[in-house]
Amino acid sequence: MLRLAFIALGARAFNRGSARRTGRPNTARSATFHAEGDLSGQYQLSGVWKLSREPDQEPPAVPIQNNVLCWSGDRWRSLTRPLVRAATLVTLDPAGGFESPAGAKEAIRGKWSMADDEVTLARFGRHGNHVVETWIGAYNSSKNRVKGTMLAGASEPEYAGKFRMTPAFPGLQPVVENEKAAASGPVFFTKDVVGEYTLEFRGSDSISAYDVALYSNRTWETTSPMAGGARLAGTWNVFDDSVDLASGIAGEGGRLWIWLRRFGAARSSGVHLTHDRLYLGRISPVSGGGDGDERPRVRRVAGQVAIGWSTEPAFIGSFRLRPKFE
């Protein structure tokens, strides 16, 4: 399954100014759908953490004294202790970004998320346009720590070692567990969403609206006349918690994704697009719909629009999808 672990609804992909330096409010919050940050999993982890890494490939050996723990350059070395890089501090912000402190010897930044108690951190390259390492670990709430493995690369990652994270200020970072949000609202099937709509997009410097048709084979296209016979098109599906763009199975749940595609069988034509776009939104039902045996009807879908979700996601605007009324 292609899991989009690095997308956050309603937030920019990486907001350096939102990092919280001294911890977080120690209150449990109801965890609605967030794919990253404090509300993405079972626990809230925002705060300052001590990160230690044990690389798979050892650096050149350094002179040591037997049976004596000694400091050499940026690593510890003894007969009983594995070779470990010097620990560094990283700040995990509530929205899902992380970074090392200003002036740190090693600049580290990226995105983090949780799925239940599994923590995923994607470290970005120097210029922030690709993922160079992915760290995946399990959060132990009884010990308030994260331990896991490091993977090098993003598309075909290779094992690169182990890592460990512990709170830098345990008194300011107690264990905070999210309250599982109770299921609310009706469950939509794809057949409940098939139909004709108006798709409204609002960006920082542009506004647009198109009539679109969502078909039963989970493809879609614009039906508004466009110059030169151009059209926007792609695929769509209903989901609940996880987005799977590669699935051929009709989904169900309370949310909708729409993929505006440049390539593939269902793709746009006659327009210049620099990126694919991914529309992620929550479905609002018509009041009173879905009672008894009656299937729910779509009142509107509202959410955010992302690009670059497979590398470094960025949100470029919001959208609304409204049914067309005769």
Protein backbone atom coordinates (compact mmCIF):
# COMPACT_ATOMS: atom_id res chain seq x y z
CA MET A 1 0.00 0.00 0.00
CA LEU A 2 1.20 3.44 -0.87
CA ARG A 3 0.77 5.25 2.43
CA LEU A 4 0.91 9.03 2.32
CA ALA A 5 2.58 9.55 5.63
CA PHE A 6 3.79 13.06 4.95
CA ILE A 7 0.59 14.97 4.22
CA ALA A 8 -1.19 17.21 6.76
CA LEU A 9 -4.64 18.63 6.15
CA GLY A 10 -4.77 22.35 6.79
CA ALA A 11 -1.03 22.95 7.29
CA ARG A 12 1.93 23.88 5.16
CA ALA A 13 4.42 21.10 4.55
CA PHE A 14 7.19 22.57 6.68
CA ASN A 15 6.75 25.59 8.89
CA ARG A 16 10.05 26.36 10.52
CA GLY A 17 8.54 29.07 12.66
CA SER A 18 6.01 26.76 14.31
CA ALA A 19 8.54 24.66 16.24
CA ARG A 20 7.82 24.61 19.96
CA ARG A 21 11.03 24.85 21.93
CA THR A 22 9.83 23.97 25.41
CA GLY A 23 7.28 21.22 25.04
CA ARG A 24 3.52 21.13 24.50
CA PRO A 25 0.29 21.48 26.44
CA ASN A 26 -0.05 18.33 28.52
CA THR A 27 -3.64 17.70 27.58
CA ALA A 28 -5.14 14.88 25.55
CA ARG A 29 -6.97 15.94 22.42
CA SER A 30 -9.43 14.11 20.25
CA ALA A 31 -7.47 12.83 17.25
CA THR A 32 -9.33 13.57 14.04
CA PHE A 33 -7.61 12.81 10.73
CA HIS A 34 -4.12 14.25 10.51
CA ALA A 35 -1.40 12.45 8.58
CA GLU A 36 1.44 14.09 10.50
CA GLY A 37 2.20 15.82 13.77
CA ASP A 38 0.69 15.42 17.23
CA LEU A 39 -2.72 14.26 16.02
CA SER A 40 -1.50 11.71 13.47
CA GLY A 41 -1.18 8.78 15.87
CA GLN A 42 -1.81 7.49 19.35
CA TYR A 43 0.50 9.91 21.20
CA GLN A 44 1.65 13.53 21.08
CA LEU A 45 5.42 13.78 20.61
CA SER A 46 6.05 17.47 19.98
CA GLY A 47 8.95 18.85 21.99
CA VAL A 48 12.74 18.66 22.17
CA TRP A 49 14.29 15.20 21.78
CA LYS A 50 17.78 13.80 22.11
CA LEU A 51 18.56 11.85 18.94
CA SER A 52 21.27 9.15 18.90
CA ARG A 53 22.16 7.22 15.75
CA GLU A 54 24.15 4.02 15.29
CA PRO A 55 25.20 3.76 11.62
CA ASP A 56 25.37 0.38 9.91
CA GLN A 57 28.75 1.17 8.35
CA GLU A 58 31.48 1.91 10.89
CA PRO A 59 33.73 4.93 10.32
CA PRO A 60 37.48 4.32 10.37
CA ALA A 61 38.72 2.95 13.69
CA VAL A 62 40.26 5.38 16.16
CA PRO A 63 42.94 4.61 18.79
CA ILE A 64 41.41 3.48 22.09
CA GLN A 65 42.48 2.10 25.41
CA ASN A 66 41.13 -1.34 26.23
CA ASN A 67 38.34 -1.47 28.82
CA VAL A 68 38.30 2.33 29.11
CA LEU A 69 35.37 4.38 27.83
CA CYS A 70 36.88 7.32 25.96
CA TRP A 71 35.80 10.25 23.80
CA SER A 72 37.25 10.41 20.30
CA GLY A 73 36.07 12.99 17.81
CA ASP A 74 32.31 12.63 17.46
CA ARG A 75 31.85 9.08 18.77
CA TRP A 76 32.15 6.89 21.84
CA ARG A 77 34.21 3.73 21.66
CA SER A 78 34.73 0.83 24.10
CA LEU A 79 34.84 -2.97 24.04
CA THR A 80 31.21 -3.22 25.09
CA ARG A 81 29.62 -0.15 23.52
CA PRO A 82 28.62 0.02 19.84
CA LEU A 83 29.91 2.86 17.69
CA VAL A 84 27.42 5.72 17.95
CA ARG A 85 27.34 9.19 16.44
CA ALA A 86 27.24 12.02 18.95
CA ALA A 87 23.71 12.71 20.15
CA THR A 88 22.05 15.82 18.80
CA LEU A 89 18.89 17.69 19.70
CA VAL A 90 15.89 17.88 17.39
CA THR A 91 12.64 19.74 17.91
CA LEU A 92 9.41 18.05 16.80
CA ASP A 93 6.70 20.64 16.26
CA PRO A 94 2.99 19.85 16.67
CA ALA A 95 2.24 20.37 12.96
CA GLY A 96 4.66 17.63 11.87
CA GLY A 97 7.98 19.34 11.15
CA PHE A 98 11.27 18.69 12.90
CA GLU A 99 14.64 20.44 12.88
CA SER A 100 17.88 20.76 14.80
CA PRO A 101 18.55 23.95 16.82
CA ALA A 102 19.98 26.98 15.05
CA GLY A 103 23.76 26.82 14.97
CA ALA A 104 23.92 23.05 15.44
CA LYS A 105 26.97 21.30 13.99
CA GLU A 106 24.72 19.08 11.85
CA ALA A 107 21.64 20.64 10.26
CA ILE A 108 18.68 18.25 10.39
CA ARG A 109 15.13 18.96 9.28
CA GLY A 110 12.17 17.10 7.85
CA LYS A 111 8.68 15.80 8.59
CA TRP A 112 7.38 13.39 11.22
CA SER A 113 4.18 11.42 11.69
CA MET A 114 2.69 8.52 13.64
CA ALA A 115 0.47 5.56 12.81
CA ASP A 116 -0.78 4.16 16.11
CA ASP A 117 2.54 3.85 18.01
CA GLU A 118 4.83 3.71 14.95
CA VAL A 119 6.86 6.88 14.37
CA THR A 120 8.16 7.88 10.92
CA LEU A 121 10.63 10.73 10.38
CA ALA A 122 11.61 11.76 6.84
CA ARG A 123 14.83 13.77 6.75
CA PHE A 124 15.17 16.24 3.89
CA GLY A 125 18.33 17.03 1.96
CA ARG A 126 20.26 20.27 2.28
CA HIS A 127 17.97 22.20 -0.03
CA GLY A 128 14.79 20.57 1.22
CA ASN A 129 13.65 19.15 -2.12
CA HIS A 130 14.08 15.42 -1.52
CA VAL A 131 14.15 12.80 1.25
CA VAL A 132 17.63 11.47 2.03
CA GLU A 133 16.83 9.31 5.07
CA THR A 134 13.74 7.76 6.62
CA TRP A 135 13.73 6.77 10.29
CA ILE A 136 11.01 4.34 11.38
CA GLY A 137 10.63 3.35 15.02
CA ALA A 138 8.22 2.30 17.74
CA TYR A 139 7.26 4.62 20.58
CA ASN A 140 7.38 2.94 24.01
CA SER A 141 5.02 4.94 26.21
CA SER A 142 6.12 3.22 29.42
CA LYS A 143 9.72 4.40 28.84
CA ASN A 144 8.85 7.54 26.84
CA ARG A 145 11.31 6.77 24.06
CA VAL A 146 11.50 5.87 20.38
CA LYS A 147 13.73 3.13 18.99
CA GLY A 148 13.95 1.99 15.40
CA THR A 149 15.87 1.67 12.15
CA MET A 150 17.31 4.16 9.68
CA LEU A 151 16.77 3.79 5.94
CA ALA A 152 18.81 5.64 3.32
CA GLY A 153 16.93 6.99 0.29
CA ALA A 154 13.25 7.47 -0.41
CA SER A 155 12.25 5.46 -3.49
CA GLU A 156 14.31 2.30 -2.82
CA PRO A 157 15.54 2.71 0.77
CA GLU A 158 18.36 0.59 2.17
CA TYR A 159 19.09 -0.27 5.78
CA ALA A 160 21.46 2.32 7.24
CA GLY A 161 21.51 1.61 10.98
CA LYS A 162 19.56 2.21 14.18
CA PHE A 163 18.38 5.28 16.04
CA ARG A 164 17.00 6.17 19.45
CA MET A 165 15.13 9.23 20.74
CA THR A 166 14.55 10.26 24.35
CA PRO A 167 13.06 13.51 25.72
CA ALA A 168 15.64 16.23 26.31
CA PHE A 169 13.47 17.65 29.09
CA PRO A 170 11.41 14.76 30.52
CA GLY A 171 9.65 17.01 33.01
CA LEU A 172 8.25 19.10 30.17
CA GLN A 173 7.42 16.15 27.93
CA PRO A 174 5.27 13.64 29.80
CA VAL A 175 3.45 10.90 27.93
CA VAL A 176 0.27 12.34 26.38
CA GLU A 177 -2.09 9.90 24.68
CA ASN A 178 -4.68 11.11 22.20
CA GLU A 179 -8.29 10.26 22.71
CA LYS A 180 -9.55 8.21 19.82
CA ALA A 181 -12.23 10.20 18.09
CA ALA A 182 -15.53 8.42 17.99
CA ALA A 183 -16.81 7.68 14.53
CA SER A 184 -19.24 10.38 13.51
CA GLY A 185 -21.38 10.84 10.48
CA PRO A 186 -22.41 8.31 7.87
CA VAL A 187 -20.08 6.04 5.92
CA PHE A 188 -20.02 6.85 2.22
CA PHE A 189 -19.44 4.30 -0.52
CA THR A 190 -18.09 5.33 -3.92
CA LYS A 191 -21.55 4.86 -5.44
CA ASP A 192 -22.83 7.56 -3.06
CA VAL A 193 -20.32 10.08 -4.44
CA VAL A 194 -20.65 9.40 -8.18
CA GLY A 195 -22.17 12.41 -9.93
CA GLU A 196 -21.66 15.92 -11.27
CA TYR A 197 -20.10 18.65 -9.16
CA THR A 198 -18.57 22.10 -9.21
CA LEU A 199 -14.92 22.06 -8.08
CA GLU A 200 -13.77 25.37 -6.59
CA PHE A 201 -10.08 26.00 -5.92
CA ARG A 202 -8.65 28.90 -3.94
CA GLY A 203 -4.86 29.47 -3.88
CA SER A 204 -2.71 32.28 -2.56
CA ASP A 205 -2.95 34.20 -5.84
CA SER A 206 -5.64 32.46 -7.91
CA ILE A 207 -9.25 31.29 -7.80
CA SER A 208 -10.85 28.86 -10.24
CA ALA A 209 -14.03 26.82 -10.63
CA TYR A 210 -14.84 23.95 -13.00
CA ASP A 211 -17.74 21.60 -13.51
CA VAL A 212 -16.52 18.03 -13.06
CA ALA A 213 -17.99 14.54 -13.29
CA LEU A 214 -16.99 11.72 -10.94
CA TYR A 215 -17.62 8.39 -12.67
CA SER A 216 -18.40 4.96 -11.23
CA ASN A 217 -15.06 3.55 -12.45
CA ARG A 218 -13.39 6.08 -10.09
CA THR A 219 -12.08 8.34 -12.85
CA TRP A 220 -13.10 11.96 -13.26
CA GLU A 221 -12.85 14.81 -15.74
CA THR A 222 -13.88 18.41 -16.20
CA THR A 223 -17.10 18.98 -18.15
CA SER A 224 -16.78 22.77 -18.43
CA PRO A 225 -15.76 23.96 -21.92
CA MET A 226 -12.03 24.77 -22.03
CA ALA A 227 -10.02 26.39 -24.83
CA GLY A 228 -8.73 24.01 -27.48
CA GLY A 229 -10.66 21.06 -26.08
CA ALA A 230 -8.43 20.87 -23.03
CA ARG A 231 -9.55 18.99 -19.96
CA LEU A 232 -8.46 18.17 -16.44
CA ALA A 233 -8.79 14.53 -15.40
CA GLY A 234 -7.58 11.84 -13.05
CA THR A 235 -8.79 9.31 -10.50
CA TRP A 236 -10.66 9.49 -7.18
CA ASN A 237 -11.78 7.31 -4.29
CA VAL A 238 -13.38 7.40 -0.86
CA PHE A 239 -11.29 6.60 2.22
CA ASP A 240 -11.36 6.70 6.00
CA ASP A 241 -7.85 6.82 7.51
CA SER A 242 -5.21 5.95 4.91
CA VAL A 243 -4.89 7.08 1.31
CA ASP A 244 -3.98 4.38 -1.22
CA LEU A 245 -3.56 5.85 -4.70
CA ALA A 246 -2.61 2.48 -6.19
CA SER A 247 -5.63 0.53 -4.96
CA GLY A 248 -8.13 -0.75 -7.49
CA ILE A 249 -10.73 -1.38 -4.78
CA ALA A 250 -13.63 0.98 -4.19
CA GLY A 251 -13.20 2.56 -0.77
CA GLU A 252 -15.58 3.63 1.96
CA GLY A 253 -15.47 6.20 4.72
CA GLY A 254 -16.05 9.86 5.38
CA ARG A 255 -13.30 11.41 3.26
CA LEU A 256 -12.48 11.82 -0.42
CA TRP A 257 -9.28 12.09 -2.42
CA ILE A 258 -9.13 13.39 -5.99
CA TRP A 259 -5.93 12.95 -7.98
CA LEU A 260 -5.35 15.43 -10.81
CA ARG A 261 -2.98 13.52 -13.08
CA ARG A 262 -0.56 14.41 -15.85
CA PHE A 263 0.19 10.79 -16.83
CA GLY A 264 -1.64 7.46 -16.93
CA ALA A 265 -4.81 6.20 -18.54
CA ALA A 266 -6.98 8.86 -16.88
CA ARG A 267 -4.95 12.03 -17.39
CA SER A 268 -5.32 15.68 -18.22
CA SER A 269 -4.74 16.92 -21.76
CA GLY A 270 -4.31 20.22 -23.54
CA VAL A 271 -3.10 22.05 -20.40
CA HIS A 272 0.36 22.67 -18.99
CA LEU A 273 0.73 21.23 -15.48
CA THR A 274 4.04 21.29 -13.61
CA HIS A 275 2.80 18.93 -10.87
CA ASP A 276 0.12 16.40 -10.19
CA ARG A 277 -2.30 17.62 -7.53
CA LEU A 278 -3.94 15.73 -4.70
CA TYR A 279 -7.23 17.03 -3.27
CA LEU A 280 -7.98 15.69 0.23
CA GLY A 281 -11.27 16.56 1.90
CA ARG A 282 -13.96 15.56 4.36
CA ILE A 283 -17.42 14.72 3.04
CA SER A 284 -20.31 16.60 4.65
CA PRO A 285 -23.66 14.82 4.29
CA VAL A 286 -27.03 16.35 3.52
CA SER A 287 -28.87 16.90 6.80
CA GLY A 288 -30.96 13.87 7.63
CA GLY A 289 -29.30 11.74 4.96
CA GLY A 290 -28.20 8.24 5.81
CA ASP A 291 -30.98 7.59 8.34
CA GLY A 292 -32.38 4.09 8.36
CA ASP A 293 -31.93 2.33 5.02
CA GLU A 294 -31.49 5.58 3.10
CA ARG A 295 -28.02 6.08 1.64
CA PRO A 296 -26.27 9.35 2.57
CA ARG A 297 -26.03 12.15 0.04
CA VAL A 298 -23.13 14.55 -0.44
CA ARG A 299 -23.75 18.14 0.61
CA ARG A 300 -20.18 19.27 -0.01
CA VAL A 301 -16.53 18.20 0.29
CA ALA A 302 -13.97 20.65 1.70
CA GLY A 303 -10.24 20.25 2.20
CA GLN A 304 -6.71 21.05 1.06
CA VAL A 305 -4.70 20.64 -2.15
CA ALA A 306 -1.15 19.26 -2.08
CA ILE A 307 1.68 18.81 -4.57
CA GLY A 308 4.91 16.82 -4.19
CA TRP A 309 3.43 14.40 -1.64
CA SER A 310 5.87 11.60 -2.58
CA THR A 311 8.94 13.74 -1.77
CA GLU A 312 8.43 17.01 0.12
CA PRO A 313 4.73 17.90 0.27
CA ALA A 314 3.53 21.47 -0.08
CA PHE A 315 -0.01 22.75 0.24
CA ILE A 316 -0.98 25.26 -2.42
CA GLY A 317 -4.58 26.02 -1.51
CA SER A 318 -8.00 24.78 -0.47
CA PHE A 319 -10.96 23.42 -2.38
CA ARG A 320 -14.69 22.84 -2.17
CA LEU A 321 -16.67 20.31 -4.15
CA ARG A 322 -20.41 21.03 -4.42
CA PRO A 323 -23.07 18.93 -6.21
CA LYS A 324 -24.63 20.51 -9.26
CA PHE A 325 -28.36 21.07 -8.80
CA GLU A 326 -30.74 21.02 -11.69
